[in-house]
Amino acid sequence: MKNITNDVWVFIEQRNGHAADVSYELLSKGRKLADSMNGTLKAVIIGSNVKHLATQVFGYGTDEALLIDNPALKDYLTVPYARILDKMIKEYTPRIVLFGATIIGRDLAPRVASSTKSGLTADCTDLQISDVTYLKQNYEKLLLQIRPAFGGNIIATIITPDNPTQMATVREGVMEMAPIAYPHDVKITEIPYIPDPMDELVKIIEQHMEGSKVNLKNAPIIVAGGYGLGTKENFNQVIELAKVIGADVAGSRAAVDAGFVTPDRQVGQTGVTVRPKLYIAVGISGAIQHRAGMQESNKIIAINNDPDAPIFDVAHYGIVGDAMDVIPVFIEVFKNKLK
């Protein structure tokens, strides 16, 4: 059997030469994982005219960039990208490979995992390295793949001890993007692209892309409303408060399902993960699915009429009361302060 390295690989997702934020977040986490294993962190960049990205990744702790650059790889296509990664993983046998849980990552990761017979866990919220005893056998430096399960009612820790390569997809915003002060010297290994007739089975004839108008991930202040507000009219108080303090509006999944707020503003396990300086949760009970998307906020204020609501477990400041009594007071106070 080929020797297994302690390499941690991060697939750098890019569109038109711009890397996705989740890739840099994964590099920051990958640096910590590699250090835990006394291993190396490598960034895998596939595309056309993307050598500048191979230089940028060193600002996030990368030891080496593996670059496959060719005009034929300009746009993401499942077959050539999966084929290239499959060949590289079989040849070099990295210990861990990380992908963003994006449209591209969710398409690419399972195909590569299936082909390379690697363990894969989707939508992880945390990753750790630990020695594990499983079925009376000891395993050193396994990847603990941590994610909510059973509808978010429990947190599961998943291991794949019998697979040489362990893979995970991680949602954007879950890991903290942390540029390092003293990057390693740039080391780029260029890997030649060898075309295959299979690559031509699917071609992109035309593309239309529209950027999202909502950017909760980078919002410094968020006011989020939940189903506990009762009606869409009551939810308008959340919108008014956000307007007064210059915040973005968000909602829980229940609020989205009830039509109080649009799906692109949903925070939680099946929505967006955010880390604002201030998060105000109004009428949100704080189920684990929602907390997974906002509990890393710098300061959390929770307003709920149930003193036992789980949201108070993660809140820095809690107000027990009817939101329809509390929010108008907030609005009036801020209006006076901001005059």
C-alpha atoms as a PDB file:
ATOM      1  CA  MET A   1       0.000   0.000   0.000  1.00  0.00           C
ATOM      2  CA  LYS A   2       1.219   3.499  -0.852  1.00  0.00           C
ATOM      3  CA  ASN A   3       2.374   5.596   2.080  1.00  0.00           C
ATOM      4  CA  ILE A   4      -0.253   8.004   3.318  1.00  0.00           C
ATOM      5  CA  THR A   5       0.985  11.582   3.695  1.00  0.00           C
ATOM      6  CA  ASN A   6      -0.127  14.061   6.331  1.00  0.00           C
ATOM      7  CA  ASP A   7      -0.986  16.559   3.610  1.00  0.00           C
ATOM      8  CA  VAL A   8      -4.123  18.662   3.899  1.00  0.00           C
ATOM      9  CA  TRP A   9      -5.438  19.744   0.508  1.00  0.00           C
ATOM     10  CA  VAL A  10      -7.936  22.537  -0.082  1.00  0.00           C
ATOM     11  CA  PHE A  11      -9.686  22.793  -3.436  1.00  0.00           C
ATOM     12  CA  ILE A  12      -9.654  26.469  -4.419  1.00  0.00           C
ATOM     13  CA  GLU A  13     -12.964  27.201  -6.070  1.00  0.00           C
ATOM     14  CA  GLN A  14     -12.776  30.067  -8.538  1.00  0.00           C
ATOM     15  CA  ARG A  15     -14.922  31.775 -11.102  1.00  0.00           C
ATOM     16  CA  ASN A  16     -13.394  34.096 -13.691  1.00  0.00           C
ATOM     17  CA  GLY A  17     -10.140  34.177 -11.776  1.00  0.00           C
ATOM     18  CA  HIS A  18     -11.709  35.140  -8.432  1.00  0.00           C
ATOM     19  CA  ALA A  19     -11.454  32.643  -5.570  1.00  0.00           C
ATOM     20  CA  ALA A  20     -14.487  31.954  -3.405  1.00  0.00           C
ATOM     21  CA  ASP A  21     -14.243  33.210   0.176  1.00  0.00           C
ATOM     22  CA  VAL A  22     -14.943  29.705   1.466  1.00  0.00           C
ATOM     23  CA  SER A  23     -11.668  28.523  -0.067  1.00  0.00           C
ATOM     24  CA  TYR A  24      -9.661  31.012   2.000  1.00  0.00           C
ATOM     25  CA  GLU A  25     -11.699  30.066   5.082  1.00  0.00           C
ATOM     26  CA  LEU A  26     -10.792  26.426   4.498  1.00  0.00           C
ATOM     27  CA  LEU A  27      -7.123  27.292   4.077  1.00  0.00           C
ATOM     28  CA  SER A  28      -7.190  28.979   7.488  1.00  0.00           C
ATOM     29  CA  LYS A  29      -8.757  25.873   9.034  1.00  0.00           C
ATOM     30  CA  GLY A  30      -6.520  23.591   6.996  1.00  0.00           C
ATOM     31  CA  ARG A  31      -3.455  25.315   8.444  1.00  0.00           C
ATOM     32  CA  LYS A  32      -4.574  24.334  11.947  1.00  0.00           C
ATOM     33  CA  LEU A  33      -5.357  20.763  10.876  1.00  0.00           C
ATOM     34  CA  ALA A  34      -1.988  20.364   9.162  1.00  0.00           C
ATOM     35  CA  ASP A  35      -0.176  21.689  12.241  1.00  0.00           C
ATOM     36  CA  SER A  36      -2.059  19.162  14.415  1.00  0.00           C
ATOM     37  CA  MET A  37      -0.703  16.348  12.239  1.00  0.00           C
ATOM     38  CA  ASN A  38       2.764  17.831  11.673  1.00  0.00           C
ATOM     39  CA  GLY A  39       1.764  17.905   8.040  1.00  0.00           C
ATOM     40  CA  THR A  40       1.706  20.357   5.145  1.00  0.00           C
ATOM     41  CA  LEU A  41      -1.092  22.464   3.685  1.00  0.00           C
ATOM     42  CA  LYS A  42      -1.511  22.483  -0.072  1.00  0.00           C
ATOM     43  CA  ALA A  43      -3.898  24.485  -2.233  1.00  0.00           C
ATOM     44  CA  VAL A  44      -5.209  22.905  -5.433  1.00  0.00           C
ATOM     45  CA  ILE A  45      -5.999  25.460  -8.144  1.00  0.00           C
ATOM     46  CA  ILE A  46      -7.583  24.390 -11.430  1.00  0.00           C
ATOM     47  CA  GLY A  47      -8.504  26.890 -14.145  1.00  0.00           C
ATOM     48  CA  SER A  48      -7.195  29.182 -16.849  1.00  0.00           C
ATOM     49  CA  ASN A  49      -4.915  32.169 -16.163  1.00  0.00           C
ATOM     50  CA  VAL A  50      -5.144  31.552 -12.429  1.00  0.00           C
ATOM     51  CA  LYS A  51      -1.477  31.672 -11.469  1.00  0.00           C
ATOM     52  CA  HIS A  52      -2.161  34.826  -9.461  1.00  0.00           C
ATOM     53  CA  LEU A  53      -4.422  32.758  -7.201  1.00  0.00           C
ATOM     54  CA  ALA A  54      -1.571  30.319  -6.637  1.00  0.00           C
ATOM     55  CA  THR A  55       0.363  33.249  -5.191  1.00  0.00           C
ATOM     56  CA  GLN A  56      -2.496  34.658  -3.091  1.00  0.00           C
ATOM     57  CA  VAL A  57      -3.160  31.416  -1.192  1.00  0.00           C
ATOM     58  CA  PHE A  58       0.120  31.748   0.709  1.00  0.00           C
ATOM     59  CA  GLY A  59      -1.392  34.589   2.692  1.00  0.00           C
ATOM     60  CA  TYR A  60      -3.575  32.015   4.453  1.00  0.00           C
ATOM     61  CA  GLY A  61      -0.921  29.564   5.566  1.00  0.00           C
ATOM     62  CA  THR A  62      -0.368  27.469   2.437  1.00  0.00           C
ATOM     63  CA  ASP A  63       2.903  25.555   2.178  1.00  0.00           C
ATOM     64  CA  GLU A  64       2.590  24.658  -1.505  1.00  0.00           C
ATOM     65  CA  ALA A  65       0.227  25.408  -4.390  1.00  0.00           C
ATOM     66  CA  LEU A  66      -0.613  22.711  -6.929  1.00  0.00           C
ATOM     67  CA  LEU A  67      -1.528  24.509 -10.144  1.00  0.00           C
ATOM     68  CA  ILE A  68      -3.260  23.058 -13.209  1.00  0.00           C
ATOM     69  CA  ASP A  69      -3.626  25.953 -15.638  1.00  0.00           C
ATOM     70  CA  ASN A  70      -4.972  25.530 -19.159  1.00  0.00           C
ATOM     71  CA  PRO A  71      -7.461  27.411 -21.398  1.00  0.00           C
ATOM     72  CA  ALA A  72      -9.588  24.255 -21.584  1.00  0.00           C
ATOM     73  CA  LEU A  73     -10.209  24.556 -17.830  1.00  0.00           C
ATOM     74  CA  LYS A  74     -11.481  28.135 -17.840  1.00  0.00           C
ATOM     75  CA  ASP A  75     -15.011  27.185 -16.739  1.00  0.00           C
ATOM     76  CA  TYR A  76     -15.897  24.525 -14.208  1.00  0.00           C
ATOM     77  CA  LEU A  77     -16.975  21.266 -15.835  1.00  0.00           C
ATOM     78  CA  THR A  78     -17.588  18.151 -13.798  1.00  0.00           C
ATOM     79  CA  VAL A  79     -15.748  15.589 -15.905  1.00  0.00           C
ATOM     80  CA  PRO A  80     -12.310  17.223 -16.402  1.00  0.00           C
ATOM     81  CA  TYR A  81     -12.146  18.709 -12.888  1.00  0.00           C
ATOM     82  CA  ALA A  82     -13.141  15.409 -11.251  1.00  0.00           C
ATOM     83  CA  ARG A  83     -10.764  13.445 -13.480  1.00  0.00           C
ATOM     84  CA  ILE A  84      -7.817  15.714 -12.643  1.00  0.00           C
ATOM     85  CA  LEU A  85      -8.436  15.609  -8.888  1.00  0.00           C
ATOM     86  CA  ASP A  86      -9.034  11.872  -8.981  1.00  0.00           C
ATOM     87  CA  LYS A  87      -5.666  11.271 -10.649  1.00  0.00           C
ATOM     88  CA  MET A  88      -3.837  13.615  -8.263  1.00  0.00           C
ATOM     89  CA  ILE A  89      -5.330  12.072  -5.119  1.00  0.00           C
ATOM     90  CA  LYS A  90      -4.553   8.537  -6.277  1.00  0.00           C
ATOM     91  CA  GLU A  91      -0.978   9.565  -7.046  1.00  0.00           C
ATOM     92  CA  TYR A  92      -0.175  11.637  -3.933  1.00  0.00           C
ATOM     93  CA  THR A  93      -2.654  10.232  -1.344  1.00  0.00           C
ATOM     94  CA  PRO A  94      -3.285  13.307   0.802  1.00  0.00           C
ATOM     95  CA  ARG A  95      -4.693  12.603   4.258  1.00  0.00           C
ATOM     96  CA  ILE A  96      -7.421  15.259   4.079  1.00  0.00           C
ATOM     97  CA  VAL A  97      -9.137  17.060   1.183  1.00  0.00           C
ATOM     98  CA  LEU A  98     -11.529  19.957   1.872  1.00  0.00           C
ATOM     99  CA  PHE A  99     -14.143  21.528  -0.408  1.00  0.00           C
ATOM    100  CA  GLY A 100     -16.609  24.349   0.034  1.00  0.00           C
ATOM    101  CA  ALA A 101     -20.215  23.174   0.346  1.00  0.00           C
ATOM    102  CA  THR A 102     -21.142  25.227  -2.704  1.00  0.00           C
ATOM    103  CA  ILE A 103     -22.832  24.226  -5.952  1.00  0.00           C
ATOM    104  CA  ILE A 104     -19.418  23.328  -7.375  1.00  0.00           C
ATOM    105  CA  GLY A 105     -18.108  21.656  -4.207  1.00  0.00           C
ATOM    106  CA  ARG A 106     -21.250  19.566  -3.768  1.00  0.00           C
ATOM    107  CA  ASP A 107     -20.971  18.424  -7.370  1.00  0.00           C
ATOM    108  CA  LEU A 108     -17.242  17.713  -7.333  1.00  0.00           C
ATOM    109  CA  ALA A 109     -16.511  16.236  -3.889  1.00  0.00           C
ATOM    110  CA  PRO A 110     -18.810  13.169  -4.005  1.00  0.00           C
ATOM    111  CA  ARG A 111     -17.603  12.196  -7.478  1.00  0.00           C
ATOM    112  CA  VAL A 112     -13.970  12.352  -6.428  1.00  0.00           C
ATOM    113  CA  ALA A 113     -14.683  10.574  -3.130  1.00  0.00           C
ATOM    114  CA  SER A 114     -16.498   7.758  -4.922  1.00  0.00           C
ATOM    115  CA  SER A 115     -13.752   7.299  -7.495  1.00  0.00           C
ATOM    116  CA  THR A 116     -10.907   7.371  -4.945  1.00  0.00           C
ATOM    117  CA  LYS A 117     -12.883   5.379  -2.317  1.00  0.00           C
ATOM    118  CA  SER A 118     -12.406   8.182   0.190  1.00  0.00           C
ATOM    119  CA  GLY A 119     -14.548   9.000   3.214  1.00  0.00           C
ATOM    120  CA  LEU A 120     -16.707  12.107   2.751  1.00  0.00           C
ATOM    121  CA  THR A 121     -18.917  14.057   5.145  1.00  0.00           C
ATOM    122  CA  ALA A 122     -21.055  16.923   3.841  1.00  0.00           C
ATOM    123  CA  ASP A 123     -21.874  20.288   5.424  1.00  0.00           C
ATOM    124  CA  CYS A 124     -19.467  20.084   8.358  1.00  0.00           C
ATOM    125  CA  THR A 125     -19.606  22.816  10.971  1.00  0.00           C
ATOM    126  CA  ASP A 126     -16.307  21.913  12.624  1.00  0.00           C
ATOM    127  CA  LEU A 127     -13.216  19.847  11.875  1.00  0.00           C
ATOM    128  CA  GLN A 128     -10.696  18.541  14.403  1.00  0.00           C
ATOM    129  CA  ILE A 129      -7.784  16.121  14.572  1.00  0.00           C
ATOM    130  CA  SER A 130      -7.774  13.462  17.302  1.00  0.00           C
ATOM    131  CA  ASP A 131      -6.555   9.979  18.165  1.00  0.00           C
ATOM    132  CA  VAL A 132      -9.549   7.635  18.211  1.00  0.00           C
ATOM    133  CA  THR A 133     -10.212   4.161  19.579  1.00  0.00           C
ATOM    134  CA  TYR A 134     -12.909   2.482  17.496  1.00  0.00           C
ATOM    135  CA  LEU A 135     -13.944  -1.181  17.713  1.00  0.00           C
ATOM    136  CA  LYS A 136     -10.962  -1.829  20.008  1.00  0.00           C
ATOM    137  CA  GLN A 137      -8.532  -0.493  17.420  1.00  0.00           C
ATOM    138  CA  ASN A 138      -6.473   2.661  17.825  1.00  0.00           C
ATOM    139  CA  TYR A 139      -6.306   5.215  15.033  1.00  0.00           C
ATOM    140  CA  GLU A 140      -3.892   8.132  15.162  1.00  0.00           C
ATOM    141  CA  LYS A 141      -4.675  11.644  13.961  1.00  0.00           C
ATOM    142  CA  LEU A 142      -8.081  11.006  12.462  1.00  0.00           C
ATOM    143  CA  LEU A 143     -10.200  13.813  11.065  1.00  0.00           C
ATOM    144  CA  LEU A 144     -13.278  14.376  13.215  1.00  0.00           C
ATOM    145  CA  GLN A 145     -15.992  15.561  10.847  1.00  0.00           C
ATOM    146  CA  ILE A 146     -18.587  17.358  12.960  1.00  0.00           C
ATOM    147  CA  ARG A 147     -22.025  18.313  11.690  1.00  0.00           C
ATOM    148  CA  PRO A 148     -25.670  18.548  12.778  1.00  0.00           C
ATOM    149  CA  ALA A 149     -27.707  15.413  12.089  1.00  0.00           C
ATOM    150  CA  PHE A 150     -31.289  14.129  12.364  1.00  0.00           C
ATOM    151  CA  GLY A 151     -32.764  17.452  11.383  1.00  0.00           C
ATOM    152  CA  GLY A 152     -30.317  19.331  13.558  1.00  0.00           C
ATOM    153  CA  ASN A 153     -31.467  17.655  16.757  1.00  0.00           C
ATOM    154  CA  ILE A 154     -28.009  16.247  17.523  1.00  0.00           C
ATOM    155  CA  ILE A 155     -24.400  17.046  16.677  1.00  0.00           C
ATOM    156  CA  ALA A 156     -22.726  14.047  15.060  1.00  0.00           C
ATOM    157  CA  THR A 157     -18.987  13.382  15.000  1.00  0.00           C
ATOM    158  CA  ILE A 158     -18.165  11.255  11.974  1.00  0.00           C
ATOM    159  CA  ILE A 159     -14.920   9.387  11.310  1.00  0.00           C
ATOM    160  CA  THR A 160     -13.743   7.385   8.304  1.00  0.00           C
ATOM    161  CA  PRO A 161     -10.939   5.301   9.837  1.00  0.00           C
ATOM    162  CA  ASP A 162     -10.604   2.760   7.035  1.00  0.00           C
ATOM    163  CA  ASN A 163     -10.078   5.292   4.247  1.00  0.00           C
ATOM    164  CA  PRO A 164      -6.598   6.605   3.426  1.00  0.00           C
ATOM    165  CA  THR A 165      -8.045   9.969   2.370  1.00  0.00           C
ATOM    166  CA  GLN A 166     -10.706  11.777   4.374  1.00  0.00           C
ATOM    167  CA  MET A 167     -12.843  14.437   2.707  1.00  0.00           C
ATOM    168  CA  ALA A 168     -15.310  17.031   3.900  1.00  0.00           C
ATOM    169  CA  THR A 169     -17.398  19.857   2.497  1.00  0.00           C
ATOM    170  CA  VAL A 170     -17.843  22.950   4.669  1.00  0.00           C
ATOM    171  CA  ARG A 171     -20.354  25.726   4.232  1.00  0.00           C
ATOM    172  CA  GLU A 172     -19.253  29.293   3.605  1.00  0.00           C
ATOM    173  CA  GLY A 173     -18.856  31.363   6.739  1.00  0.00           C
ATOM    174  CA  VAL A 174     -18.545  28.421   9.147  1.00  0.00           C
ATOM    175  CA  MET A 175     -14.753  28.691   9.436  1.00  0.00           C
ATOM    176  CA  GLU A 176     -13.008  31.952  10.223  1.00  0.00           C
ATOM    177  CA  MET A 177     -10.922  33.473   7.452  1.00  0.00           C
ATOM    178  CA  ALA A 178      -7.616  34.336   9.115  1.00  0.00           C
ATOM    179  CA  PRO A 179      -4.752  35.751   7.003  1.00  0.00           C
ATOM    180  CA  ILE A 180      -1.358  35.061   8.549  1.00  0.00           C
ATOM    181  CA  ALA A 181       1.263  37.663   9.371  1.00  0.00           C
ATOM    182  CA  TYR A 182       4.267  35.781   7.983  1.00  0.00           C
ATOM    183  CA  PRO A 183       3.391  33.698   4.907  1.00  0.00           C
ATOM    184  CA  HIS A 184       5.633  30.894   3.692  1.00  0.00           C
ATOM    185  CA  ASP A 185       7.805  31.404   0.640  1.00  0.00           C
ATOM    186  CA  VAL A 186       5.831  30.937  -2.551  1.00  0.00           C
ATOM    187  CA  LYS A 187       6.159  27.377  -3.844  1.00  0.00           C
ATOM    188  CA  ILE A 188       4.077  26.606  -6.913  1.00  0.00           C
ATOM    189  CA  THR A 189       4.124  23.153  -8.498  1.00  0.00           C
ATOM    190  CA  GLU A 190       2.662  23.261 -11.989  1.00  0.00           C
ATOM    191  CA  ILE A 191       0.982  20.032 -13.060  1.00  0.00           C
ATOM    192  CA  PRO A 192       0.425  19.604 -16.807  1.00  0.00           C
ATOM    193  CA  TYR A 193      -3.113  19.256 -18.124  1.00  0.00           C
ATOM    194  CA  ILE A 194      -3.479  16.110 -20.185  1.00  0.00           C
ATOM    195  CA  PRO A 195      -6.715  16.258 -22.200  1.00  0.00           C
ATOM    196  CA  ASP A 196      -9.043  13.296 -22.471  1.00  0.00           C
ATOM    197  CA  PRO A 197     -11.858  12.694 -25.011  1.00  0.00           C
ATOM    198  CA  MET A 198     -14.269  12.372 -22.059  1.00  0.00           C
ATOM    199  CA  ASP A 199     -13.712  16.042 -21.288  1.00  0.00           C
ATOM    200  CA  GLU A 200     -15.574  16.982 -24.472  1.00  0.00           C
ATOM    201  CA  LEU A 201     -18.793  15.136 -23.611  1.00  0.00           C
ATOM    202  CA  VAL A 202     -20.290  18.258 -22.047  1.00  0.00           C
ATOM    203  CA  LYS A 203     -19.657  21.769 -23.319  1.00  0.00           C
ATOM    204  CA  ILE A 204     -20.758  25.139 -21.996  1.00  0.00           C
ATOM    205  CA  ILE A 205     -22.547  26.972 -24.799  1.00  0.00           C
ATOM    206  CA  GLU A 206     -23.678  30.019 -22.861  1.00  0.00           C
ATOM    207  CA  GLN A 207     -23.603  31.209 -19.257  1.00  0.00           C
ATOM    208  CA  HIS A 208     -25.747  33.701 -17.381  1.00  0.00           C
ATOM    209  CA  MET A 209     -24.759  34.633 -13.835  1.00  0.00           C
ATOM    210  CA  GLU A 210     -26.353  37.129 -11.517  1.00  0.00           C
ATOM    211  CA  GLY A 211     -24.724  38.091  -8.264  1.00  0.00           C
ATOM    212  CA  SER A 212     -26.741  38.027  -5.071  1.00  0.00           C
ATOM    213  CA  LYS A 213     -28.014  41.412  -3.915  1.00  0.00           C
ATOM    214  CA  VAL A 214     -27.974  40.234  -0.297  1.00  0.00           C
ATOM    215  CA  ASN A 215     -24.627  39.875   1.471  1.00  0.00           C
ATOM    216  CA  LEU A 216     -25.387  38.853   5.047  1.00  0.00           C
ATOM    217  CA  LYS A 217     -22.001  37.189   5.466  1.00  0.00           C
ATOM    218  CA  ASN A 218     -20.203  40.539   5.461  1.00  0.00           C
ATOM    219  CA  ALA A 219     -22.849  42.531   7.349  1.00  0.00           C
ATOM    220  CA  PRO A 220     -21.477  44.106  10.566  1.00  0.00           C
ATOM    221  CA  ILE A 221     -24.940  44.322  12.196  1.00  0.00           C
ATOM    222  CA  ILE A 222     -27.873  41.966  11.651  1.00  0.00           C
ATOM    223  CA  VAL A 223     -31.393  42.097  13.043  1.00  0.00           C
ATOM    224  CA  ALA A 224     -33.078  38.714  12.609  1.00  0.00           C
ATOM    225  CA  GLY A 225     -36.718  37.857  13.211  1.00  0.00           C
ATOM    226  CA  GLY A 226     -38.348  34.515  13.879  1.00  0.00           C
ATOM    227  CA  TYR A 227     -41.718  32.828  13.685  1.00  0.00           C
ATOM    228  CA  GLY A 228     -42.384  34.017  17.224  1.00  0.00           C
ATOM    229  CA  LEU A 229     -43.244  37.440  15.797  1.00  0.00           C
ATOM    230  CA  GLY A 230     -46.521  35.918  14.678  1.00  0.00           C
ATOM    231  CA  THR A 231     -47.316  37.905  11.538  1.00  0.00           C
ATOM    232  CA  LYS A 232     -45.594  39.576   8.611  1.00  0.00           C
ATOM    233  CA  GLU A 233     -46.885  42.918   9.898  1.00  0.00           C
ATOM    234  CA  ASN A 234     -45.074  42.336  13.183  1.00  0.00           C
ATOM    235  CA  PHE A 235     -41.944  41.351  11.257  1.00  0.00           C
ATOM    236  CA  ASN A 236     -41.995  44.860   9.782  1.00  0.00           C
ATOM    237  CA  GLN A 237     -40.839  46.063  13.213  1.00  0.00           C
ATOM    238  CA  VAL A 238     -37.615  44.097  12.662  1.00  0.00           C
ATOM    239  CA  ILE A 239     -37.200  45.806   9.294  1.00  0.00           C
ATOM    240  CA  GLU A 240     -37.800  49.204  10.896  1.00  0.00           C
ATOM    241  CA  LEU A 241     -35.252  48.561  13.654  1.00  0.00           C
ATOM    242  CA  ALA A 242     -32.677  47.435  11.089  1.00  0.00           C
ATOM    243  CA  LYS A 243     -33.275  50.583   9.062  1.00  0.00           C
ATOM    244  CA  VAL A 244     -32.798  52.840  12.096  1.00  0.00           C
ATOM    245  CA  ILE A 245     -29.477  51.283  13.182  1.00  0.00           C
ATOM    246  CA  GLY A 246     -28.103  50.607   9.692  1.00  0.00           C
ATOM    247  CA  ALA A 247     -28.340  46.838   9.950  1.00  0.00           C
ATOM    248  CA  ASP A 248     -29.194  44.053   7.528  1.00  0.00           C
ATOM    249  CA  VAL A 249     -32.408  42.072   7.939  1.00  0.00           C
ATOM    250  CA  ALA A 250     -32.399  38.287   8.363  1.00  0.00           C
ATOM    251  CA  GLY A 251     -34.728  35.560   9.541  1.00  0.00           C
ATOM    252  CA  SER A 252     -34.937  32.031  10.838  1.00  0.00           C
ATOM    253  CA  ARG A 253     -36.082  29.165   8.618  1.00  0.00           C
ATOM    254  CA  ALA A 254     -39.516  29.215  10.263  1.00  0.00           C
ATOM    255  CA  ALA A 255     -39.837  32.918   9.435  1.00  0.00           C
ATOM    256  CA  VAL A 256     -38.855  32.218   5.843  1.00  0.00           C
ATOM    257  CA  ASP A 257     -41.329  29.317   5.574  1.00  0.00           C
ATOM    258  CA  ALA A 258     -44.056  31.588   6.946  1.00  0.00           C
ATOM    259  CA  GLY A 259     -43.320  34.183   4.259  1.00  0.00           C
ATOM    260  CA  PHE A 260     -42.097  36.861   6.675  1.00  0.00           C
ATOM    261  CA  VAL A 261     -38.759  37.233   4.869  1.00  0.00           C
ATOM    262  CA  THR A 262     -37.175  36.009   1.631  1.00  0.00           C
ATOM    263  CA  PRO A 263     -35.057  32.795   1.519  1.00  0.00           C
ATOM    264  CA  ASP A 264     -31.862  34.676   0.639  1.00  0.00           C
ATOM    265  CA  ARG A 265     -31.990  36.222   4.128  1.00  0.00           C
ATOM    266  CA  GLN A 266     -32.248  32.946   6.030  1.00  0.00           C
ATOM    267  CA  VAL A 267     -29.623  32.366   8.718  1.00  0.00           C
ATOM    268  CA  GLY A 268     -28.938  28.865   9.965  1.00  0.00           C
ATOM    269  CA  GLN A 269     -27.918  25.372   9.017  1.00  0.00           C
ATOM    270  CA  THR A 270     -29.823  25.452   5.717  1.00  0.00           C
ATOM    271  CA  GLY A 271     -29.241  29.164   5.160  1.00  0.00           C
ATOM    272  CA  VAL A 272     -26.286  31.511   5.598  1.00  0.00           C
ATOM    273  CA  THR A 273     -23.661  31.353   8.329  1.00  0.00           C
ATOM    274  CA  VAL A 274     -22.822  34.814   9.690  1.00  0.00           C
ATOM    275  CA  ARG A 275     -20.309  36.378  12.101  1.00  0.00           C
ATOM    276  CA  PRO A 276     -21.416  40.004  12.547  1.00  0.00           C
ATOM    277  CA  LYS A 277     -20.212  42.352  15.261  1.00  0.00           C
ATOM    278  CA  LEU A 278     -23.797  42.499  16.552  1.00  0.00           C
ATOM    279  CA  TYR A 279     -26.650  40.031  16.040  1.00  0.00           C
ATOM    280  CA  ILE A 280     -30.106  40.896  17.395  1.00  0.00           C
ATOM    281  CA  ALA A 281     -32.434  37.880  17.471  1.00  0.00           C
ATOM    282  CA  VAL A 282     -36.103  38.815  17.812  1.00  0.00           C
ATOM    283  CA  GLY A 283     -38.726  36.146  18.415  1.00  0.00           C
ATOM    284  CA  ILE A 284     -36.296  33.347  17.550  1.00  0.00           C
ATOM    285  CA  SER A 285     -36.411  30.334  19.847  1.00  0.00           C
ATOM    286  CA  GLY A 286     -32.853  29.316  18.992  1.00  0.00           C
ATOM    287  CA  ALA A 287     -33.102  25.765  17.676  1.00  0.00           C
ATOM    288  CA  ILE A 288     -29.724  24.185  16.994  1.00  0.00           C
ATOM    289  CA  GLN A 289     -30.219  24.673  13.242  1.00  0.00           C
ATOM    290  CA  HIS A 290     -30.390  28.446  13.687  1.00  0.00           C
ATOM    291  CA  ARG A 291     -27.656  28.684  16.304  1.00  0.00           C
ATOM    292  CA  ALA A 292     -25.275  26.868  13.945  1.00  0.00           C
ATOM    293  CA  GLY A 293     -25.512  29.865  11.628  1.00  0.00           C
ATOM    294  CA  MET A 294     -25.005  32.729  14.089  1.00  0.00           C
ATOM    295  CA  GLN A 295     -23.466  31.595  17.364  1.00  0.00           C
ATOM    296  CA  GLU A 296     -20.008  32.899  16.390  1.00  0.00           C
ATOM    297  CA  SER A 297     -21.315  36.486  16.292  1.00  0.00           C
ATOM    298  CA  ASN A 298     -19.219  38.893  18.359  1.00  0.00           C
ATOM    299  CA  LYS A 299     -22.209  40.091  20.425  1.00  0.00           C
ATOM    300  CA  ILE A 300     -25.699  38.561  20.505  1.00  0.00           C
ATOM    301  CA  ILE A 301     -28.817  40.214  21.897  1.00  0.00           C
ATOM    302  CA  ALA A 302     -31.867  37.957  22.196  1.00  0.00           C
ATOM    303  CA  ILE A 303     -35.449  39.122  22.676  1.00  0.00           C
ATOM    304  CA  ASN A 304     -37.989  36.401  23.472  1.00  0.00           C
ATOM    305  CA  ASN A 305     -41.025  36.002  25.709  1.00  0.00           C
ATOM    306  CA  ASP A 306     -39.943  32.483  26.731  1.00  0.00           C
ATOM    307  CA  PRO A 307     -37.264  32.650  29.470  1.00  0.00           C
ATOM    308  CA  ASP A 308     -36.267  29.055  28.673  1.00  0.00           C
ATOM    309  CA  ALA A 309     -35.718  29.659  24.954  1.00  0.00           C
ATOM    310  CA  PRO A 310     -32.427  28.047  23.780  1.00  0.00           C
ATOM    311  CA  ILE A 311     -31.369  31.304  22.134  1.00  0.00           C
ATOM    312  CA  PHE A 312     -30.519  32.655  25.592  1.00  0.00           C
ATOM    313  CA  ASP A 313     -27.844  29.949  25.936  1.00  0.00           C
ATOM    314  CA  VAL A 314     -25.710  31.685  23.290  1.00  0.00           C
ATOM    315  CA  ALA A 315     -26.816  35.276  23.854  1.00  0.00           C
ATOM    316  CA  HIS A 316     -24.547  37.776  25.595  1.00  0.00           C
ATOM    317  CA  TYR A 317     -27.573  39.868  26.558  1.00  0.00           C
ATOM    318  CA  GLY A 318     -31.121  38.583  26.913  1.00  0.00           C
ATOM    319  CA  ILE A 319     -34.432  40.413  27.185  1.00  0.00           C
ATOM    320  CA  VAL A 320     -37.472  38.399  28.272  1.00  0.00           C
ATOM    321  CA  GLY A 321     -40.568  40.099  26.961  1.00  0.00           C
ATOM    322  CA  ASP A 322     -42.981  40.593  24.084  1.00  0.00           C
ATOM    323  CA  ALA A 323     -41.057  41.764  21.039  1.00  0.00           C
ATOM    324  CA  MET A 324     -43.920  44.085  20.113  1.00  0.00           C
ATOM    325  CA  ASP A 325     -43.336  45.923  23.375  1.00  0.00           C
ATOM    326  CA  VAL A 326     -39.529  45.839  23.293  1.00  0.00           C
ATOM    327  CA  ILE A 327     -38.738  46.687  19.656  1.00  0.00           C
ATOM    328  CA  PRO A 328     -40.655  50.001  19.537  1.00  0.00           C
ATOM    329  CA  VAL A 329     -38.674  51.110  22.595  1.00  0.00           C
ATOM    330  CA  PHE A 330     -35.425  50.154  20.842  1.00  0.00           C
ATOM    331  CA  ILE A 331     -36.476  52.101  17.750  1.00  0.00           C
ATOM    332  CA  GLU A 332     -37.416  55.202  19.743  1.00  0.00           C
ATOM    333  CA  VAL A 333     -34.188  55.175  21.770  1.00  0.00           C
ATOM    334  CA  PHE A 334     -31.968  54.732  18.703  1.00  0.00           C
ATOM    335  CA  LYS A 335     -33.833  57.448  16.793  1.00  0.00           C
ATOM    336  CA  ASN A 336     -33.166  59.890  19.627  1.00  0.00           C
ATOM    337  CA  LYS A 337     -29.530  58.827  20.011  1.00  0.00           C
ATOM    338  CA  LEU A 338     -28.844  59.128  16.292  1.00  0.00           C
ATOM    339  CA  LYS A 339     -30.378  62.576  15.834  1.00  0.00           C
END
